Each structure stands twice: as C-alpha cells, then as structure tokens.
Protein backbone atom coordinates (compact mmCIF):
# COMPACT_ATOMS: atom_id res chain seq x y z
CA UNK A 1 -4.27 -5.04 -10.79
CA UNK A 2 -7.14 -3.09 -9.74
CA UNK A 3 -6.86 0.50 -9.57
CA UNK A 4 -5.88 2.25 -6.05
CA UNK A 5 -7.76 1.43 -2.96
CA UNK A 6 -8.75 4.65 -1.18
CA UNK A 7 -10.54 4.53 2.53
CA UNK A 8 -12.51 7.46 3.14
CA UNK A 9 -12.77 8.21 6.97
CA UNK A 10 -15.45 11.04 7.96
CA UNK A 11 -18.28 11.31 10.24
CA UNK A 12 -20.52 13.36 7.72
CA UNK A 13 -21.96 10.68 5.22
CA UNK A 14 -22.69 13.51 2.52
CA UNK A 15 -19.00 14.22 2.71
CA UNK A 16 -17.86 10.91 2.17
CA UNK A 17 -20.35 10.25 -0.80
CA UNK A 18 -18.94 13.50 -2.19
CA UNK A 19 -15.35 12.30 -1.63
CA UNK A 20 -16.32 9.05 -3.08
CA UNK A 21 -18.19 10.53 -6.12
CA UNK A 22 -14.95 12.40 -7.20
CA UNK A 23 -12.55 9.38 -6.60
CA UNK A 24 -14.40 6.74 -8.56
CA UNK A 25 -14.54 9.37 -11.39
CA UNK A 26 -11.00 8.98 -11.28
CA UNK A 27 -11.14 5.30 -11.75
CA UNK A 28 -9.99 4.84 -7.94
CA UNK A 29 -11.95 1.86 -5.70
CA UNK A 30 -13.22 3.64 -2.30
CA UNK A 31 -14.42 2.25 0.82
CA UNK A 32 -15.78 4.22 3.73
CA UNK A 33 -15.93 4.61 7.55
CA UNK A 34 -17.33 6.76 9.86
CA UNK A 35 -14.96 7.11 12.96
CA UNK A 36 -11.56 6.04 13.72
CA UNK A 37 -12.62 2.43 14.96
CA UNK A 38 -14.37 1.66 11.90
CA UNK A 39 -11.23 3.22 10.32
CA UNK A 40 -8.80 1.01 11.86
CA UNK A 41 -10.49 -2.22 11.17
CA UNK A 42 -11.17 -1.41 7.52
CA UNK A 43 -7.22 -0.46 7.33
CA UNK A 44 -6.40 -3.96 8.33
CA UNK A 45 -9.38 -5.64 6.66
CA UNK A 46 -9.49 -3.85 3.24
CA UNK A 47 -5.58 -3.05 2.85
CA UNK A 48 -6.24 0.33 1.25
CA UNK A 49 -3.17 1.94 -0.55
CA UNK A 50 -4.36 5.33 0.78
CA UNK A 51 -6.59 6.75 3.81
CA UNK A 52 -8.38 10.08 3.54
CA UNK A 53 -8.87 10.80 6.99
CA UNK A 54 -10.84 13.76 8.31
CA UNK A 55 -9.13 15.08 11.92
CA UNK A 56 -12.53 15.62 13.50
CA UNK A 57 -14.24 12.39 14.30
CA UNK A 58 -16.29 11.15 17.46
CA UNK A 59 -14.22 9.72 20.02
CA UNK A 60 -10.89 9.10 18.86
CA UNK A 61 -9.59 12.06 16.61
CA UNK A 62 -7.85 11.49 13.50
CA UNK A 63 -4.88 12.64 14.35
CA UNK A 64 -4.50 10.50 17.32
CA UNK A 65 -5.51 7.44 14.83
CA UNK A 66 -2.34 8.56 12.54
CA UNK A 67 -0.18 8.23 15.71
CA UNK A 68 -1.66 4.90 16.44
CA UNK A 69 -1.15 3.48 12.88
CA UNK A 70 2.53 4.58 13.05
CA UNK A 71 3.37 2.84 15.87
CA UNK A 72 2.00 -0.33 14.36
CA UNK A 73 4.68 -2.02 11.73
CA UNK A 74 1.79 -3.67 10.12
CA UNK A 75 0.09 -0.68 8.77
CA UNK A 76 2.75 1.83 9.40
CA UNK A 77 3.66 2.19 5.59
CA UNK A 78 -0.14 3.18 4.76
CA UNK A 79 0.08 6.74 3.46
CA UNK A 80 -2.48 9.18 4.92
CA UNK A 81 -3.91 12.71 3.86
CA UNK A 82 -5.49 14.58 6.25
CA UNK A 83 -8.60 16.51 5.14
CA UNK A 84 -9.71 19.01 7.66
CA UNK A 85 -11.08 22.49 8.23
CA UNK A 86 -8.32 23.02 10.60
CA UNK A 87 -6.08 25.69 8.34
CA UNK A 88 -3.98 27.12 11.14
CA UNK A 89 -0.29 26.83 10.17
CA UNK A 90 0.40 25.15 14.20
CA UNK A 91 -2.52 22.32 13.27
CA UNK A 92 -0.72 22.05 9.64
CA UNK A 93 2.74 21.26 11.36
CA UNK A 94 1.10 18.99 14.36
CA UNK A 95 -0.56 16.86 11.34
CA UNK A 96 2.86 16.60 9.29
CA UNK A 97 4.79 15.55 12.43
CA UNK A 98 2.19 13.19 13.47
CA UNK A 99 2.88 11.28 10.14
CA UNK A 100 0.31 12.26 7.92
CA UNK A 101 1.81 12.52 4.19
CA UNK A 102 -0.01 15.65 3.08
CA UNK A 103 -2.66 17.84 4.46
CA UNK A 104 -5.52 19.43 2.58
CA UNK A 105 -7.81 22.29 4.04
CA UNK A 106 -11.50 22.66 3.14
CA UNK A 107 -13.13 23.55 1.28
CA UNK A 108 -10.79 22.27 -1.88
CA UNK A 109 -11.40 21.53 -5.32
CA UNK A 110 -11.83 17.90 -6.72
CA UNK A 111 -9.11 18.52 -8.98
CA UNK A 112 -6.70 19.52 -6.29
CA UNK A 113 -7.91 16.19 -4.31
CA UNK A 114 -7.25 13.93 -7.17
CA UNK A 115 -3.92 15.43 -7.75
CA UNK A 116 -2.73 15.23 -4.15
CA UNK A 117 -4.05 11.69 -3.95
CA UNK A 118 -1.93 10.52 -7.46
CA UNK A 119 1.21 12.50 -5.84
CA UNK A 120 1.02 10.52 -2.53
CA UNK A 121 0.37 7.19 -4.19
CA UNK A 122 3.25 7.94 -6.71
CA UNK A 123 5.81 8.42 -4.00
CA UNK A 124 4.51 5.37 -1.73
CA UNK A 125 4.63 3.30 -5.19
CA UNK A 126 0.66 2.59 -5.04
CA UNK A 127 -0.06 4.63 -8.00
CA UNK A 128 -3.46 3.83 -9.23
CA UNK A 129 -2.26 4.07 -13.06
CA UNK A 130 -1.33 0.70 -14.49
CA UNK A 131 2.33 1.51 -15.70
CA UNK A 132 5.47 -0.88 -15.50
CA UNK A 133 7.34 -1.64 -12.67
CA UNK A 134 10.96 -2.18 -13.74
CA UNK A 135 13.68 -3.83 -11.54
CA UNK A 136 16.70 -4.57 -13.40
CA UNK A 137 16.06 -7.03 -16.07
CA UNK A 138 12.58 -7.81 -14.05
CA UNK A 139 9.40 -6.17 -15.34
CA UNK A 140 5.89 -6.33 -13.88
CA UNK A 141 2.85 -5.17 -16.31
CA UNK A 142 0.21 -4.36 -14.10
CA UNK A 143 -2.19 -3.39 -16.92
CA UNK A 144 -2.15 -6.68 -18.92
CA UNK A 145 -1.09 -8.85 -15.39
CA UNK A 146 2.35 -10.04 -17.30
CA UNK A 147 5.81 -10.50 -16.09
CA UNK A 148 8.98 -10.59 -17.78
CA UNK A 149 12.11 -11.77 -17.03
CA UNK A 150 14.95 -10.61 -19.61
CA UNK A 151 12.21 -10.28 -22.45
CA UNK A 152 10.70 -14.15 -21.23
CA UNK A 153 7.19 -13.87 -19.98
CA UNK A 154 6.66 -16.29 -16.77
CA UNK A 155 3.74 -17.51 -15.37
CA UNK A 156 2.96 -16.91 -11.67
CA UNK A 157 -0.23 -18.22 -9.47
CA UNK A 158 -2.26 -15.39 -7.96
CA UNK A 159 -0.36 -15.23 -4.56
CA UNK A 160 3.20 -15.10 -6.28
CA UNK A 161 1.83 -12.21 -8.34
CA UNK A 162 0.42 -10.18 -5.25
CA UNK A 163 3.68 -10.71 -3.35
CA UNK A 164 6.02 -9.78 -6.42
CA UNK A 165 4.11 -6.95 -6.79
CA UNK A 166 4.42 -6.22 -3.56
CA UNK A 167 8.29 -6.67 -3.08
CA UNK A 168 8.86 -4.70 -6.04
CA UNK A 169 6.99 -1.98 -5.06
CA UNK A 170 8.88 -1.93 -1.24
CA UNK A 171 12.33 -2.54 -2.14
CA UNK A 172 15.41 -2.62 0.03
CA UNK A 173 13.29 -3.40 3.24
CA UNK A 174 12.92 -6.31 5.79
CA UNK A 175 9.56 -7.69 6.15
CA UNK A 176 8.54 -10.10 8.77
CA UNK A 177 6.14 -13.18 7.74
CA UNK A 178 3.61 -11.52 9.81
CA UNK A 179 3.72 -8.37 7.99
CA UNK A 180 3.71 -10.21 4.43
CA UNK A 181 0.81 -12.14 5.59
CA UNK A 182 -1.01 -8.85 6.57
CA UNK A 183 -0.40 -6.79 3.36
CA UNK A 184 -0.37 -9.62 0.65
CA UNK A 185 -2.95 -12.15 2.40
CA UNK A 186 -4.93 -9.62 4.20
CA UNK A 187 -5.47 -8.75 7.81
CA UNK A 188 -8.73 -11.18 7.84
CA UNK A 189 -7.41 -14.02 6.21
CA UNK A 190 -5.91 -16.43 9.10
CA UNK A 191 -2.87 -18.82 7.46
CA UNK A 192 0.20 -20.12 9.33
CA UNK A 193 3.34 -18.00 8.82
CA UNK A 194 5.23 -20.67 7.27
CA UNK A 195 2.71 -20.02 4.43
CA UNK A 196 4.82 -17.44 3.41
CA UNK A 197 7.83 -19.41 3.45
CA UNK A 198 6.28 -21.71 0.82
CA UNK A 199 5.35 -19.13 -1.49
CA UNK A 200 8.59 -17.27 -1.28
CA UNK A 201 10.15 -21.06 -2.43
CA UNK A 202 7.72 -21.01 -5.38
CA UNK A 203 8.00 -17.52 -6.30
CA UNK A 204 12.05 -18.02 -6.48
CA UNK A 205 11.72 -21.18 -8.37
CA UNK A 206 9.46 -19.15 -10.92
CA UNK A 207 12.01 -16.41 -10.98
CA UNK A 208 14.85 -18.95 -12.49
CA UNK A 209 15.25 -18.83 -16.18
CA UNK A 210 16.12 -22.31 -17.92
CA UNK A 211 18.99 -20.34 -19.35
CA UNK A 212 20.49 -20.14 -16.08
CA UNK A 213 19.53 -16.69 -14.96
CA UNK A 214 18.15 -16.63 -11.59
CA UNK A 215 16.38 -13.43 -10.60
CA UNK A 216 15.28 -15.36 -7.38
CA UNK A 217 18.38 -14.03 -5.69
CA UNK A 218 16.35 -10.77 -5.63
CA UNK A 219 14.03 -12.01 -2.74
CA UNK A 220 16.68 -11.86 0.19
CA UNK A 221 16.23 -13.83 3.37
CA UNK A 222 17.27 -12.11 6.31
CA UNK A 223 17.94 -14.47 8.96
CA UNK A 224 15.74 -14.16 12.10
CA UNK A 225 13.95 -11.16 10.49
CA UNK A 226 12.18 -12.01 7.73
CA UNK A 227 12.73 -11.35 3.74
CA UNK A 228 13.77 -8.51 1.58
CA UNK A 229 13.60 -7.64 -2.19
CA UNK A 230 16.84 -6.05 -3.32
CA UNK A 231 18.38 -6.04 -7.01
CA UNK A 232 21.35 -6.44 -5.18
CA UNK A 233 20.54 -10.04 -4.36
CA UNK A 234 22.75 -10.81 -1.51
CA UNK A 235 21.77 -13.01 1.05
CA UNK A 236 22.45 -12.57 4.79
C-alpha cells in the first residue's frame, strides 16, 4: 500500500509547489488542482486520502466545493483541511460547520501542516504510515502486503486486497455497489455494478480457512442497500 495521497487545491502555483515539497519530503503522494472544477474531477479520478483546500479560488470557492462534496455520498467522507488567510473566528466556524475536518490559517509552519495532516488521516482511517490494521483475528499488514487470518497467511488478488483494505478501514457502515466501485475501483473506471458481487464472493471465499473458521461473515449483505463490514458478522 502506497503512502497517503494528498490533493492540493490552490490557484497559486508557487503555493502548490511549496506544499508539494513539504508533503513529498514526508513521503506523501501529491496531486494538484488550480480551481474547484479541476479539484472535483481529481477527487473522483484520483481518490485522494485527503484534500488540502484554499478558501479563495477562482469561480467556485473552496467552502462551496466542500458543501457540494458533503452532499455527494460517493465522496462525502474524503477529509478536507482548509488552508486560508481567513483567520477570523467567524470564518473558522463557517468552515468547520460547512464540513471541513480541520482549519489552518496562513502563514503556517511545515511541521504544523504535517502534524495536522497526519492527525486528520488517523481520524479518517487513512494514515500514511503502514501500521497494521486489526479486526479481531483478521490482520492486514500494509507494509508487506500480507493478510493473516488467525495467524495463517492468505493470498488475495489485487482487487480483493483493496476491497478488504477499504472495508477494514471503514467498518460498520453500509456502502452501495456504486460507492464501492467509486472508492475501490476508481471514479474513472467503468465496470458493471455486479462486478462488485463477484469480488465480494471471491473475498468471502478467501476468508474461509480449512480449519472451518469463516471470516467471510464479517462482510454482510444488507438487502436493498449494499454491503457492510463488521466484526459482529450478522447478515441482515
């Protein structure tokens, strides 16, 4: 699993370059956008783990972009940090109430930026470090791309691995097939929704051990809605 991907949205190229240098020095992957329209497209296509967003953008403002994102189930949970010169308390409240996850006023130090980014990523379950992800006896080790079931290593295809990684970092929430396609396959990949069912079946089968232990029950089918991953393992 690669390090977290950060989308930098600012209309000033020099600021984007400065942010990119500091983030890449801390082993983040970066993509850039100069306005809200480009940013929205990059969020769908690149699936960033976090967005660094300037408030003052040409055309649609950063805060308006956040409001639009939060109304779209497909991207509503992408964390956003607002980077802005607007330092008034009223602006901070407006930003936080509008849906941003953190608010940093310019100027700021690179150390503060990285600390804030890491904090938001930890809260969202998309930390850039390769820590183990543990759900009961199911363990994912991103640094060496291994999955262990009750201490037994299993082999997963790349799609099943990404699907399991997404499930394990986004537990106890129902996702439709369309949402899973967007978040696991990518917004620029066009496949049928039933493809999700095929890979769910493969993943469930892979999570069954010869000993009889069945971790596939963690992936629950929610009739009429989609799928949910939960350690409770109850199908509804």
